């Protein structure tokens, strides 16, 4: 079984993640949010296993460009999900789903190496 890596192809963090998987020989499937908009079901799955703060990238340019009203929407899963679907660049990268169903948000080389085996 392979892991699923969710993100955006042109992101430097995504490139580091994919390079690490390839260097280690870990099998993976890459899901590009720009080609496959994140579904309601996918985002709900993320939020069942991760905190909203782990899913929303509040450091990125997309978040910083939001209105105060939109930023407030990111504080609640019910209002955050539609916004994350519309502005998928705001989802923290990468989110990795390992074969055992465990999720990891963000690039953490040690955690990837431990879970990716």
PDB file of N, CA and C in Angstrom:
ATOM      1  N   UNK A   1       0.837  -1.192   0.000  1.00  0.00           N
ATOM      2  CA  UNK A   1       0.000   0.000   0.000  1.00  0.00           C
ATOM      3  C   UNK A   1       0.869   1.238   0.000  1.00  0.00           C
ATOM      4  N   UNK A   2       0.330   2.295  -0.576  1.00  0.00           N
ATOM      5  CA  UNK A   2       1.112   3.523  -0.637  1.00  0.00           C
ATOM      6  C   UNK A   2       0.441   4.632   0.162  1.00  0.00           C
ATOM      7  N   UNK A   3       1.228   5.622   0.478  1.00  0.00           N
ATOM      8  CA  UNK A   3       0.727   6.806   1.160  1.00  0.00           C
ATOM      9  C   UNK A   3       0.119   7.746   0.135  1.00  0.00           C
ATOM     10  N   UNK A   4      -0.711   8.663   0.607  1.00  0.00           N
ATOM     11  CA  UNK A   4      -1.242   9.721  -0.243  1.00  0.00           C
ATOM     12  C   UNK A   4      -0.676  11.027   0.273  1.00  0.00           C
ATOM     13  N   UNK A   5      -0.132  11.808  -0.648  1.00  0.00           N
ATOM     14  CA  UNK A   5       0.406  13.120  -0.299  1.00  0.00           C
ATOM     15  C   UNK A   5      -0.514  14.153  -0.943  1.00  0.00           C
ATOM     16  N   UNK A   6      -1.100  15.016  -0.110  1.00  0.00           N
ATOM     17  CA  UNK A   6      -2.016  16.043  -0.584  1.00  0.00           C
ATOM     18  C   UNK A   6      -1.321  17.393  -0.545  1.00  0.00           C
ATOM     19  N   UNK A   7      -1.441  18.162  -1.634  1.00  0.00           N
ATOM     20  CA  UNK A   7      -0.830  19.477  -1.666  1.00  0.00           C
ATOM     21  C   UNK A   7      -0.914  20.124  -3.028  1.00  0.00           C
ATOM     22  N   UNK A   8       0.032  21.000  -3.280  1.00  0.00           N
ATOM     23  CA  UNK A   8       0.112  21.760  -4.528  1.00  0.00           C
ATOM     24  C   UNK A   8       1.503  21.541  -5.110  1.00  0.00           C
ATOM     25  N   UNK A   9       1.545  21.167  -6.368  1.00  0.00           N
ATOM     26  CA  UNK A   9       2.789  20.746  -7.013  1.00  0.00           C
ATOM     27  C   UNK A   9       3.922  21.778  -6.924  1.00  0.00           C
ATOM     28  N   UNK A  10       3.617  23.054  -7.088  1.00  0.00           N
ATOM     29  CA  UNK A  10       4.674  24.073  -7.155  1.00  0.00           C
ATOM     30  C   UNK A  10       5.210  24.522  -5.806  1.00  0.00           C
ATOM     31  N   UNK A  11       4.707  23.981  -4.725  1.00  0.00           N
ATOM     32  CA  UNK A  11       5.118  24.381  -3.380  1.00  0.00           C
ATOM     33  C   UNK A  11       6.481  23.761  -3.037  1.00  0.00           C
ATOM     34  N   UNK A  12       7.388  24.554  -2.496  1.00  0.00           N
ATOM     35  CA  UNK A  12       8.721  24.052  -2.133  1.00  0.00           C
ATOM     36  C   UNK A  12       8.652  22.965  -1.072  1.00  0.00           C
ATOM     37  N   UNK A  13       7.750  23.097  -0.112  1.00  0.00           N
ATOM     38  CA  UNK A  13       7.609  22.081   0.926  1.00  0.00           C
ATOM     39  C   UNK A  13       7.140  20.767   0.311  1.00  0.00           C
ATOM     40  N   UNK A  14       6.279  20.854  -0.694  1.00  0.00           N
ATOM     41  CA  UNK A  14       5.808  19.648  -1.375  1.00  0.00           C
ATOM     42  C   UNK A  14       6.968  18.985  -2.114  1.00  0.00           C
ATOM     43  N   UNK A  15       7.803  19.794  -2.741  1.00  0.00           N
ATOM     44  CA  UNK A  15       8.954  19.242  -3.464  1.00  0.00           C
ATOM     45  C   UNK A  15       9.881  18.508  -2.498  1.00  0.00           C
ATOM     46  N   UNK A  16      10.110  19.086  -1.298  1.00  0.00           N
ATOM     47  CA  UNK A  16      10.948  18.422  -0.290  1.00  0.00           C
ATOM     48  C   UNK A  16      10.324  17.095   0.135  1.00  0.00           C
ATOM     49  N   UNK A  17       9.006  17.107   0.304  1.00  0.00           N
ATOM     50  CA  UNK A  17       8.303  15.897   0.741  1.00  0.00           C
ATOM     51  C   UNK A  17       8.411  14.798  -0.310  1.00  0.00           C
ATOM     52  N   UNK A  18       8.129  15.145  -1.549  1.00  0.00           N
ATOM     53  CA  UNK A  18       8.172  14.153  -2.631  1.00  0.00           C
ATOM     54  C   UNK A  18       9.602  13.648  -2.828  1.00  0.00           C
ATOM     55  N   UNK A  19      10.577  14.544  -2.747  1.00  0.00           N
ATOM     56  CA  UNK A  19      11.980  14.123  -2.862  1.00  0.00           C
ATOM     57  C   UNK A  19      12.347  13.141  -1.758  1.00  0.00           C
ATOM     58  N   UNK A  20      11.880  13.385  -0.538  1.00  0.00           N
ATOM     59  CA  UNK A  20      12.162  12.482   0.576  1.00  0.00           C
ATOM     60  C   UNK A  20      11.527  11.117   0.332  1.00  0.00           C
ATOM     61  N   UNK A  21      10.268  11.101  -0.098  1.00  0.00           N
ATOM     62  CA  UNK A  21       9.606   9.822  -0.382  1.00  0.00           C
ATOM     63  C   UNK A  21      10.363   9.056  -1.462  1.00  0.00           C
ATOM     64  N   UNK A  22      10.779   9.752  -2.505  1.00  0.00           N
ATOM     65  CA  UNK A  22      11.484   9.078  -3.605  1.00  0.00           C
ATOM     66  C   UNK A  22      12.864   8.603  -3.169  1.00  0.00           C
ATOM     67  N   UNK A  23      13.571   9.418  -2.400  1.00  0.00           N
ATOM     68  CA  UNK A  23      14.904   9.033  -1.914  1.00  0.00           C
ATOM     69  C   UNK A  23      14.818   7.785  -1.041  1.00  0.00           C
ATOM     70  N   UNK A  24      13.768   7.701  -0.229  1.00  0.00           N
ATOM     71  CA  UNK A  24      13.605   6.571   0.693  1.00  0.00           C
ATOM     72  C   UNK A  24      12.921   5.361   0.039  1.00  0.00           C
ATOM     73  N   UNK A  25      12.437   5.542  -1.182  1.00  0.00           N
ATOM     74  CA  UNK A  25      11.772   4.447  -1.871  1.00  0.00           C
ATOM     75  C   UNK A  25      10.365   4.161  -1.356  1.00  0.00           C
ATOM     76  N   UNK A  26       9.740   5.149  -0.713  1.00  0.00           N
ATOM     77  CA  UNK A  26       8.374   4.989  -0.214  1.00  0.00           C
ATOM     78  C   UNK A  26       7.409   5.184  -1.377  1.00  0.00           C
ATOM     79  N   UNK A  27       6.431   4.304  -1.490  1.00  0.00           N
ATOM     80  CA  UNK A  27       5.447   4.473  -2.558  1.00  0.00           C
ATOM     81  C   UNK A  27       4.408   5.512  -2.119  1.00  0.00           C
ATOM     82  N   UNK A  28       3.940   6.293  -3.076  1.00  0.00           N
ATOM     83  CA  UNK A  28       2.982   7.351  -2.761  1.00  0.00           C
ATOM     84  C   UNK A  28       2.144   7.681  -3.983  1.00  0.00           C
ATOM     85  N   UNK A  29       1.019   8.286  -3.694  1.00  0.00           N
ATOM     86  CA  UNK A  29       0.155   8.871  -4.717  1.00  0.00           C
ATOM     87  C   UNK A  29       0.059  10.348  -4.374  1.00  0.00           C
ATOM     88  N   UNK A  30       0.277  11.217  -5.349  1.00  0.00           N
ATOM     89  CA  UNK A  30       0.206  12.651  -5.115  1.00  0.00           C
ATOM     90  C   UNK A  30      -1.148  13.172  -5.565  1.00  0.00           C
ATOM     91  N   UNK A  31      -1.820  13.898  -4.678  1.00  0.00           N
ATOM     92  CA  UNK A  31      -3.111  14.506  -4.996  1.00  0.00           C
ATOM     93  C   UNK A  31      -2.904  16.018  -4.990  1.00  0.00           C
ATOM     94  N   UNK A  32      -3.021  16.621  -6.175  1.00  0.00           N
ATOM     95  CA  UNK A  32      -2.797  18.054  -6.364  1.00  0.00           C
ATOM     96  C   UNK A  32      -4.132  18.790  -6.233  1.00  0.00           C
ATOM     97  N   UNK A  33      -4.230  19.663  -5.219  1.00  0.00           N
ATOM     98  CA  UNK A  33      -5.460  20.418  -4.994  1.00  0.00           C
ATOM     99  C   UNK A  33      -5.847  21.289  -6.183  1.00  0.00           C
ATOM    100  N   UNK A  34      -4.869  21.682  -6.982  1.00  0.00           N
ATOM    101  CA  UNK A  34      -5.171  22.536  -8.134  1.00  0.00           C
ATOM    102  C   UNK A  34      -5.835  21.738  -9.258  1.00  0.00           C
ATOM    103  N   UNK A  35      -5.571  20.440  -9.293  1.00  0.00           N
ATOM    104  CA  UNK A  35      -6.174  19.591 -10.325  1.00  0.00           C
ATOM    105  C   UNK A  35      -7.409  18.866  -9.805  1.00  0.00           C
ATOM    106  N   UNK A  36      -7.445  18.613  -8.506  1.00  0.00           N
ATOM    107  CA  UNK A  36      -8.545  17.881  -7.887  1.00  0.00           C
ATOM    108  C   UNK A  36      -8.951  18.638  -6.624  1.00  0.00           C
ATOM    109  N   UNK A  37      -9.964  19.476  -6.767  1.00  0.00           N
ATOM    110  CA  UNK A  37     -10.435  20.301  -5.655  1.00  0.00           C
ATOM    111  C   UNK A  37     -10.750  19.410  -4.448  1.00  0.00           C
ATOM    112  N   UNK A  38     -10.316  19.811  -3.238  1.00  0.00           N
ATOM    113  CA  UNK A  38     -10.592  18.980  -2.065  1.00  0.00           C
ATOM    114  C   UNK A  38     -12.096  18.879  -1.817  1.00  0.00           C
ATOM    115  N   UNK A  39     -12.566  17.659  -1.626  1.00  0.00           N
ATOM    116  CA  UNK A  39     -13.994  17.433  -1.421  1.00  0.00           C
ATOM    117  C   UNK A  39     -14.366  17.686   0.038  1.00  0.00           C
ATOM    118  N   UNK A  40     -15.646  17.841   0.260  1.00  0.00           N
ATOM    119  CA  UNK A  40     -16.177  17.978   1.612  1.00  0.00           C
ATOM    120  C   UNK A  40     -15.772  16.764   2.444  1.00  0.00           C
ATOM    121  N   UNK A  41     -15.894  15.575   1.865  1.00  0.00           N
ATOM    122  CA  UNK A  41     -15.566  14.336   2.577  1.00  0.00           C
ATOM    123  C   UNK A  41     -14.085  14.294   2.962  1.00  0.00           C
ATOM    124  N   UNK A  42     -13.214  14.721   2.052  1.00  0.00           N
ATOM    125  CA  UNK A  42     -11.776  14.709   2.336  1.00  0.00           C
ATOM    126  C   UNK A  42     -11.457  15.657   3.489  1.00  0.00           C
ATOM    127  N   UNK A  43     -11.988  16.866   3.429  1.00  0.00           N
ATOM    128  CA  UNK A  43     -11.701  17.836   4.487  1.00  0.00           C
ATOM    129  C   UNK A  43     -12.294  17.393   5.823  1.00  0.00           C
ATOM    130  N   UNK A  44     -13.465  16.778   5.797  1.00  0.00           N
ATOM    131  CA  UNK A  44     -14.038  16.244   7.038  1.00  0.00           C
ATOM    132  C   UNK A  44     -13.159  15.131   7.603  1.00  0.00           C
ATOM    133  N   UNK A  45     -12.610  14.294   6.722  1.00  0.00           N
ATOM    134  CA  UNK A  45     -11.698  13.230   7.166  1.00  0.00           C
ATOM    135  C   UNK A  45     -10.455  13.837   7.821  1.00  0.00           C
ATOM    136  N   UNK A  46      -9.894  14.869   7.190  1.00  0.00           N
ATOM    137  CA  UNK A  46      -8.734  15.545   7.785  1.00  0.00           C
ATOM    138  C   UNK A  46      -9.077  16.045   9.189  1.00  0.00           C
ATOM    139  N   UNK A  47     -10.248  16.683   9.308  1.00  0.00           N
ATOM    140  CA  UNK A  47     -10.610  17.317  10.574  1.00  0.00           C
ATOM    141  C   UNK A  47     -11.064  16.327  11.645  1.00  0.00           C
ATOM    142  N   UNK A  48     -11.312  15.087  11.275  1.00  0.00           N
ATOM    143  CA  UNK A  48     -11.598  14.058  12.288  1.00  0.00           C
ATOM    144  C   UNK A  48     -10.313  13.628  12.979  1.00  0.00           C
ATOM    145  N   UNK A  49      -9.195  13.745  12.259  1.00  0.00           N
ATOM    146  CA  UNK A  49      -7.921  13.255  12.806  1.00  0.00           C
ATOM    147  C   UNK A  49      -6.931  14.366  13.141  1.00  0.00           C
ATOM    148  N   UNK A  50      -7.174  15.558  12.629  1.00  0.00           N
ATOM    149  CA  UNK A  50      -6.271  16.686  12.869  1.00  0.00           C
ATOM    150  C   UNK A  50      -7.076  17.873  13.396  1.00  0.00           C
ATOM    151  N   UNK A  51      -6.433  18.706  14.194  1.00  0.00           N
ATOM    152  CA  UNK A  51      -7.072  19.943  14.641  1.00  0.00           C
ATOM    153  C   UNK A  51      -7.176  20.915  13.476  1.00  0.00           C
ATOM    154  N   UNK A  52      -8.131  21.814  13.561  1.00  0.00           N
ATOM    155  CA  UNK A  52      -8.300  22.831  12.523  1.00  0.00           C
ATOM    156  C   UNK A  52      -7.011  23.636  12.338  1.00  0.00           C
ATOM    157  N   UNK A  53      -6.318  23.912  13.441  1.00  0.00           N
ATOM    158  CA  UNK A  53      -5.052  24.660  13.362  1.00  0.00           C
ATOM    159  C   UNK A  53      -3.974  23.893  12.604  1.00  0.00           C
ATOM    160  N   UNK A  54      -4.077  22.566  12.559  1.00  0.00           N
ATOM    161  CA  UNK A  54      -3.110  21.765  11.811  1.00  0.00           C
ATOM    162  C   UNK A  54      -3.449  21.739  10.325  1.00  0.00           C
ATOM    163  N   UNK A  55      -4.678  22.033   9.980  1.00  0.00           N
ATOM    164  CA  UNK A  55      -5.118  21.965   8.583  1.00  0.00           C
ATOM    165  C   UNK A  55      -5.034  23.323   7.894  1.00  0.00           C
ATOM    166  N   UNK A  56      -5.360  24.386   8.616  1.00  0.00           N
ATOM    167  CA  UNK A  56      -5.352  25.726   8.029  1.00  0.00           C
ATOM    168  C   UNK A  56      -3.949  26.328   8.130  1.00  0.00           C
ATOM    169  N   UNK A  57      -3.413  26.747   6.990  1.00  0.00           N
ATOM    170  CA  UNK A  57      -2.105  27.396   6.951  1.00  0.00           C
ATOM    171  C   UNK A  57      -2.309  28.897   7.140  1.00  0.00           C
ATOM    172  N   UNK A  58      -2.109  29.346   8.363  1.00  0.00           N
ATOM    173  CA  UNK A  58      -2.321  30.764   8.673  1.00  0.00           C
ATOM    174  C   UNK A  58      -1.079  31.609   8.403  1.00  0.00           C
ATOM    175  N   UNK A  59      -0.002  30.990   7.949  1.00  0.00           N
ATOM    176  CA  UNK A  59       1.228  31.738   7.657  1.00  0.00           C
ATOM    177  C   UNK A  59       1.340  32.109   6.189  1.00  0.00           C
ATOM    178  N   UNK A  60       0.539  31.492   5.351  1.00  0.00           N
ATOM    179  CA  UNK A  60       0.660  31.682   3.915  1.00  0.00           C
ATOM    180  C   UNK A  60       0.015  32.957   3.401  1.00  0.00           C
ATOM    181  N   UNK A  61       0.368  33.307   2.188  1.00  0.00           N
ATOM    182  CA  UNK A  61      -0.124  34.514   1.549  1.00  0.00           C
ATOM    183  C   UNK A  61      -1.644  34.478   1.347  1.00  0.00           C
ATOM    184  N   UNK A  62      -2.178  33.307   1.019  1.00  0.00           N
ATOM    185  CA  UNK A  62      -3.624  33.212   0.784  1.00  0.00           C
ATOM    186  C   UNK A  62      -4.386  33.614   2.045  1.00  0.00           C
ATOM    187  N   UNK A  63      -3.949  33.119   3.188  1.00  0.00           N
ATOM    188  CA  UNK A  63      -4.604  33.470   4.457  1.00  0.00           C
ATOM    189  C   UNK A  63      -4.449  34.956   4.745  1.00  0.00           C
ATOM    190  N   UNK A  64      -3.261  35.471   4.548  1.00  0.00           N
ATOM    191  CA  UNK A  64      -3.009  36.886   4.860  1.00  0.00           C
ATOM    192  C   UNK A  64      -3.844  37.830   4.005  1.00  0.00           C
ATOM    193  N   UNK A  65      -4.247  37.376   2.820  1.00  0.00           N
ATOM    194  CA  UNK A  65      -5.058  38.212   1.930  1.00  0.00           C
ATOM    195  C   UNK A  65      -6.557  38.162   2.251  1.00  0.00           C
ATOM    196  N   UNK A  66      -6.955  37.290   3.179  1.00  0.00           N
ATOM    197  CA  UNK A  66      -8.368  37.170   3.518  1.00  0.00           C
ATOM    198  C   UNK A  66      -8.873  38.411   4.248  1.00  0.00           C
ATOM    199  N   UNK A  67     -10.163  38.649   4.129  1.00  0.00           N
ATOM    200  CA  UNK A  67     -10.791  39.704   4.923  1.00  0.00           C
ATOM    201  C   UNK A  67     -10.872  39.217   6.368  1.00  0.00           C
ATOM    202  N   UNK A  68     -11.121  40.126   7.286  1.00  0.00           N
ATOM    203  CA  UNK A  68     -11.257  39.726   8.692  1.00  0.00           C
ATOM    204  C   UNK A  68     -12.423  38.756   8.860  1.00  0.00           C
ATOM    205  N   UNK A  69     -13.480  38.964   8.107  1.00  0.00           N
ATOM    206  CA  UNK A  69     -14.642  38.071   8.160  1.00  0.00           C
ATOM    207  C   UNK A  69     -14.261  36.659   7.707  1.00  0.00           C
ATOM    208  N   UNK A  70     -13.494  36.568   6.628  1.00  0.00           N
ATOM    209  CA  UNK A  70     -13.049  35.254   6.135  1.00  0.00           C
ATOM    210  C   UNK A  70     -12.095  34.589   7.134  1.00  0.00           C
ATOM    211  N   UNK A  71     -11.209  35.375   7.732  1.00  0.00           N
ATOM    212  CA  UNK A  71     -10.298  34.813   8.739  1.00  0.00           C
ATOM    213  C   UNK A  71     -11.095  34.241   9.907  1.00  0.00           C
ATOM    214  N   UNK A  72     -12.165  34.918  10.297  1.00  0.00           N
ATOM    215  CA  UNK A  72     -13.013  34.428  11.385  1.00  0.00           C
ATOM    216  C   UNK A  72     -13.657  33.096  10.998  1.00  0.00           C
ATOM    217  N   UNK A  73     -13.950  32.905   9.722  1.00  0.00           N
ATOM    218  CA  UNK A  73     -14.547  31.646   9.259  1.00  0.00           C
ATOM    219  C   UNK A  73     -13.595  30.468   9.466  1.00  0.00           C
ATOM    220  N   UNK A  74     -12.297  30.725   9.493  1.00  0.00           N
ATOM    221  CA  UNK A  74     -11.326  29.635   9.646  1.00  0.00           C
ATOM    222  C   UNK A  74     -11.218  29.149  11.090  1.00  0.00           C
ATOM    223  N   UNK A  75     -11.967  29.750  11.989  1.00  0.00           N
ATOM    224  CA  UNK A  75     -11.930  29.360  13.400  1.00  0.00           C
ATOM    225  C   UNK A  75     -12.914  28.234  13.724  1.00  0.00           C
ATOM    226  N   UNK A  76     -13.814  27.934  12.798  1.00  0.00           N
ATOM    227  CA  UNK A  76     -14.851  26.935  13.025  1.00  0.00           C
ATOM    228  C   UNK A  76     -14.860  25.957  11.851  1.00  0.00           C
ATOM    229  N   UNK A  77     -14.798  24.655  12.125  1.00  0.00           N
ATOM    230  CA  UNK A  77     -14.757  23.681  11.020  1.00  0.00           C
ATOM    231  C   UNK A  77     -15.900  23.821  10.012  1.00  0.00           C
ATOM    232  N   UNK A  78     -17.115  24.095  10.503  1.00  0.00           N
ATOM    233  CA  UNK A  78     -18.269  24.178   9.599  1.00  0.00           C
ATOM    234  C   UNK A  78     -18.131  25.323   8.586  1.00  0.00           C
ATOM    235  N   UNK A  79     -17.571  26.438   9.030  1.00  0.00           N
ATOM    236  CA  UNK A  79     -17.408  27.573   8.114  1.00  0.00           C
ATOM    237  C   UNK A  79     -16.053  27.532   7.409  1.00  0.00           C
ATOM    238  N   UNK A  80     -15.094  26.832   7.983  1.00  0.00           N
ATOM    239  CA  UNK A  80     -13.763  26.751   7.370  1.00  0.00           C
ATOM    240  C   UNK A  80     -13.764  25.852   6.143  1.00  0.00           C
ATOM    241  N   UNK A  81     -14.509  24.755   6.192  1.00  0.00           N
ATOM    242  CA  UNK A  81     -14.466  23.785   5.097  1.00  0.00           C
ATOM    243  C   UNK A  81     -14.814  24.400   3.737  1.00  0.00           C
ATOM    244  N   UNK A  82     -15.932  25.139   3.601  1.00  0.00           N
ATOM    245  CA  UNK A  82     -16.214  25.728   2.282  1.00  0.00           C
ATOM    246  C   UNK A  82     -15.113  26.696   1.822  1.00  0.00           C
ATOM    247  N   UNK A  83     -14.547  27.429   2.761  1.00  0.00           N
ATOM    248  CA  UNK A  83     -13.471  28.365   2.420  1.00  0.00           C
ATOM    249  C   UNK A  83     -12.222  27.601   1.967  1.00  0.00           C
ATOM    250  N   UNK A  84     -11.903  26.490   2.634  1.00  0.00           N
ATOM    251  CA  UNK A  84     -10.751  25.674   2.255  1.00  0.00           C
ATOM    252  C   UNK A  84     -10.968  25.011   0.895  1.00  0.00           C
ATOM    253  N   UNK A  85     -12.201  24.661   0.586  1.00  0.00           N
ATOM    254  CA  UNK A  85     -12.490  24.090  -0.728  1.00  0.00           C
ATOM    255  C   UNK A  85     -12.261  25.143  -1.814  1.00  0.00           C
ATOM    256  N   UNK A  86     -12.687  26.355  -1.536  1.00  0.00           N
ATOM    257  CA  UNK A  86     -12.559  27.444  -2.508  1.00  0.00           C
ATOM    258  C   UNK A  86     -11.115  27.919  -2.642  1.00  0.00           C
ATOM    259  N   UNK A  87     -10.410  27.976  -1.526  1.00  0.00           N
ATOM    260  CA  UNK A  87      -9.035  28.493  -1.494  1.00  0.00           C
ATOM    261  C   UNK A  87      -8.109  27.398  -0.960  1.00  0.00           C
ATOM    262  N   UNK A  88      -7.914  26.366  -1.776  1.00  0.00           N
ATOM    263  CA  UNK A  88      -7.157  25.190  -1.328  1.00  0.00           C
ATOM    264  C   UNK A  88      -5.695  25.500  -1.006  1.00  0.00           C
ATOM    265  N   UNK A  89      -5.198  26.629  -1.467  1.00  0.00           N
ATOM    266  CA  UNK A  89      -3.823  27.026  -1.127  1.00  0.00           C
ATOM    267  C   UNK A  89      -3.679  27.288   0.366  1.00  0.00           C
ATOM    268  N   UNK A  90      -4.800  27.430   1.049  1.00  0.00           N
ATOM    269  CA  UNK A  90      -4.797  27.697   2.482  1.00  0.00           C
ATOM    270  C   UNK A  90      -4.671  26.429   3.314  1.00  0.00           C
ATOM    271  N   UNK A  91      -4.698  25.271   2.687  1.00  0.00           N
ATOM    272  CA  UNK A  91      -4.552  24.020   3.420  1.00  0.00           C
ATOM    273  C   UNK A  91      -3.057  23.766   3.635  1.00  0.00           C
ATOM    274  N   UNK A  92      -2.715  23.477   4.886  1.00  0.00           N
ATOM    275  CA  UNK A  92      -1.304  23.232   5.222  1.00  0.00           C
ATOM    276  C   UNK A  92      -0.744  22.125   4.336  1.00  0.00           C
ATOM    277  N   UNK A  93       0.514  22.272   3.951  1.00  0.00           N
ATOM    278  CA  UNK A  93       1.146  21.304   3.050  1.00  0.00           C
ATOM    279  C   UNK A  93       2.427  20.778   3.671  1.00  0.00           C
ATOM    280  N   UNK A  94       2.654  19.506   3.426  1.00  0.00           N
ATOM    281  CA  UNK A  94       1.723  18.515   2.886  1.00  0.00           C
ATOM    282  C   UNK A  94       0.802  18.007   3.984  1.00  0.00           C
ATOM    283  N   UNK A  95      -0.265  17.359   3.579  1.00  0.00           N
ATOM    284  CA  UNK A  95      -0.989  16.467   4.480  1.00  0.00           C
ATOM    285  C   UNK A  95      -0.759  15.090   3.891  1.00  0.00           C
ATOM    286  N   UNK A  96      -0.226  14.208   4.714  1.00  0.00           N
ATOM    287  CA  UNK A  96       0.119  12.858   4.258  1.00  0.00           C
ATOM    288  C   UNK A  96      -0.801  11.866   4.960  1.00  0.00           C
ATOM    289  N   UNK A  97      -1.410  11.007   4.165  1.00  0.00           N
ATOM    290  CA  UNK A  97      -2.192   9.906   4.718  1.00  0.00           C
ATOM    291  C   UNK A  97      -1.379   8.632   4.507  1.00  0.00           C
ATOM    292  N   UNK A  98      -0.959   8.037   5.620  1.00  0.00           N
ATOM    293  CA  UNK A  98      -0.163   6.823   5.559  1.00  0.00           C
ATOM    294  C   UNK A  98      -1.080   5.608   5.382  1.00  0.00           C
ATOM    295  N   UNK A  99      -0.534   4.484   4.926  1.00  0.00           N
ATOM    296  CA  UNK A  99      -1.371   3.300   4.671  1.00  0.00           C
ATOM    297  C   UNK A  99      -2.218   2.853   5.869  1.00  0.00           C
ATOM    298  N   UNK A 100      -1.754   3.130   7.085  1.00  0.00           N
ATOM    299  CA  UNK A 100      -2.519   2.728   8.279  1.00  0.00           C
ATOM    300  C   UNK A 100      -3.641   3.717   8.605  1.00  0.00           C
ATOM    301  N   UNK A 101      -3.808   4.767   7.768  1.00  0.00           N
ATOM    302  CA  UNK A 101      -4.860   5.755   7.974  1.00  0.00           C
ATOM    303  C   UNK A 101      -4.433   6.950   8.800  1.00  0.00           C
ATOM    304  N   UNK A 102      -3.240   6.897   9.357  1.00  0.00           N
ATOM    305  CA  UNK A 102      -2.744   8.013  10.151  1.00  0.00           C
ATOM    306  C   UNK A 102      -2.454   9.210   9.247  1.00  0.00           C
ATOM    307  N   UNK A 103      -2.694  10.422   9.764  1.00  0.00           N
ATOM    308  CA  UNK A 103      -2.434  11.644   9.005  1.00  0.00           C
ATOM    309  C   UNK A 103      -1.314  12.439   9.656  1.00  0.00           C
ATOM    310  N   UNK A 104      -0.545  13.116   8.812  1.00  0.00           N
ATOM    311  CA  UNK A 104       0.510  14.018   9.265  1.00  0.00           C
ATOM    312  C   UNK A 104       0.363  15.312   8.475  1.00  0.00           C
ATOM    313  N   UNK A 105       0.321  16.440   9.184  1.00  0.00           N
ATOM    314  CA  UNK A 105       0.212  17.743   8.523  1.00  0.00           C
ATOM    315  C   UNK A 105       1.529  18.491   8.671  1.00  0.00           C
ATOM    316  N   UNK A 106       2.045  18.984   7.553  1.00  0.00           N
ATOM    317  CA  UNK A 106       3.305  19.712   7.560  1.00  0.00           C
ATOM    318  C   UNK A 106       4.481  18.784   7.329  1.00  0.00           C
ATOM    319  N   UNK A 107       5.610  19.376   6.944  1.00  0.00           N
ATOM    320  CA  UNK A 107       6.810  18.592   6.659  1.00  0.00           C
ATOM    321  C   UNK A 107       7.559  18.329   7.959  1.00  0.00           C
ATOM    322  N   UNK A 108       7.655  17.067   8.338  1.00  0.00           N
ATOM    323  CA  UNK A 108       8.410  16.634   9.514  1.00  0.00           C
ATOM    324  C   UNK A 108       9.177  15.384   9.089  1.00  0.00           C
ATOM    325  N   UNK A 109      10.436  15.584   8.714  1.00  0.00           N
ATOM    326  CA  UNK A 109      11.224  14.494   8.141  1.00  0.00           C
ATOM    327  C   UNK A 109      11.285  13.277   9.054  1.00  0.00           C
ATOM    328  N   UNK A 110      11.520  13.485  10.340  1.00  0.00           N
ATOM    329  CA  UNK A 110      11.624  12.348  11.267  1.00  0.00           C
ATOM    330  C   UNK A 110      10.318  11.563  11.318  1.00  0.00           C
ATOM    331  N   UNK A 111       9.190  12.269  11.386  1.00  0.00           N
ATOM    332  CA  UNK A 111       7.888  11.603  11.459  1.00  0.00           C
ATOM    333  C   UNK A 111       7.598  10.853  10.149  1.00  0.00           C
ATOM    334  N   UNK A 112       7.955  11.469   9.038  1.00  0.00           N
ATOM    335  CA  UNK A 112       7.737  10.811   7.733  1.00  0.00           C
ATOM    336  C   UNK A 112       8.566   9.532   7.654  1.00  0.00           C
ATOM    337  N   UNK A 113       9.813   9.611   8.054  1.00  0.00           N
ATOM    338  CA  UNK A 113      10.686   8.435   8.006  1.00  0.00           C
ATOM    339  C   UNK A 113      10.173   7.327   8.938  1.00  0.00           C
ATOM    340  N   UNK A 114       9.668   7.699  10.097  1.00  0.00           N
ATOM    341  CA  UNK A 114       9.164   6.709  11.040  1.00  0.00           C
ATOM    342  C   UNK A 114       7.871   6.050  10.547  1.00  0.00           C
ATOM    343  N   UNK A 115       6.998   6.840   9.952  1.00  0.00           N
ATOM    344  CA  UNK A 115       5.675   6.335   9.551  1.00  0.00           C
ATOM    345  C   UNK A 115       5.656   5.805   8.136  1.00  0.00           C
ATOM    346  N   UNK A 116       6.593   6.237   7.316  1.00  0.00           N
ATOM    347  CA  UNK A 116       6.566   5.875   5.906  1.00  0.00           C
ATOM    348  C   UNK A 116       7.077   4.493   5.600  1.00  0.00           C
ATOM    349  N   UNK A 117       7.693   3.859   6.556  1.00  0.00           N
ATOM    350  CA  UNK A 117       8.298   2.529   6.322  1.00  0.00           C
ATOM    351  C   UNK A 117       7.260   1.461   6.126  1.00  0.00           C
TER     352      UNK A 117
END
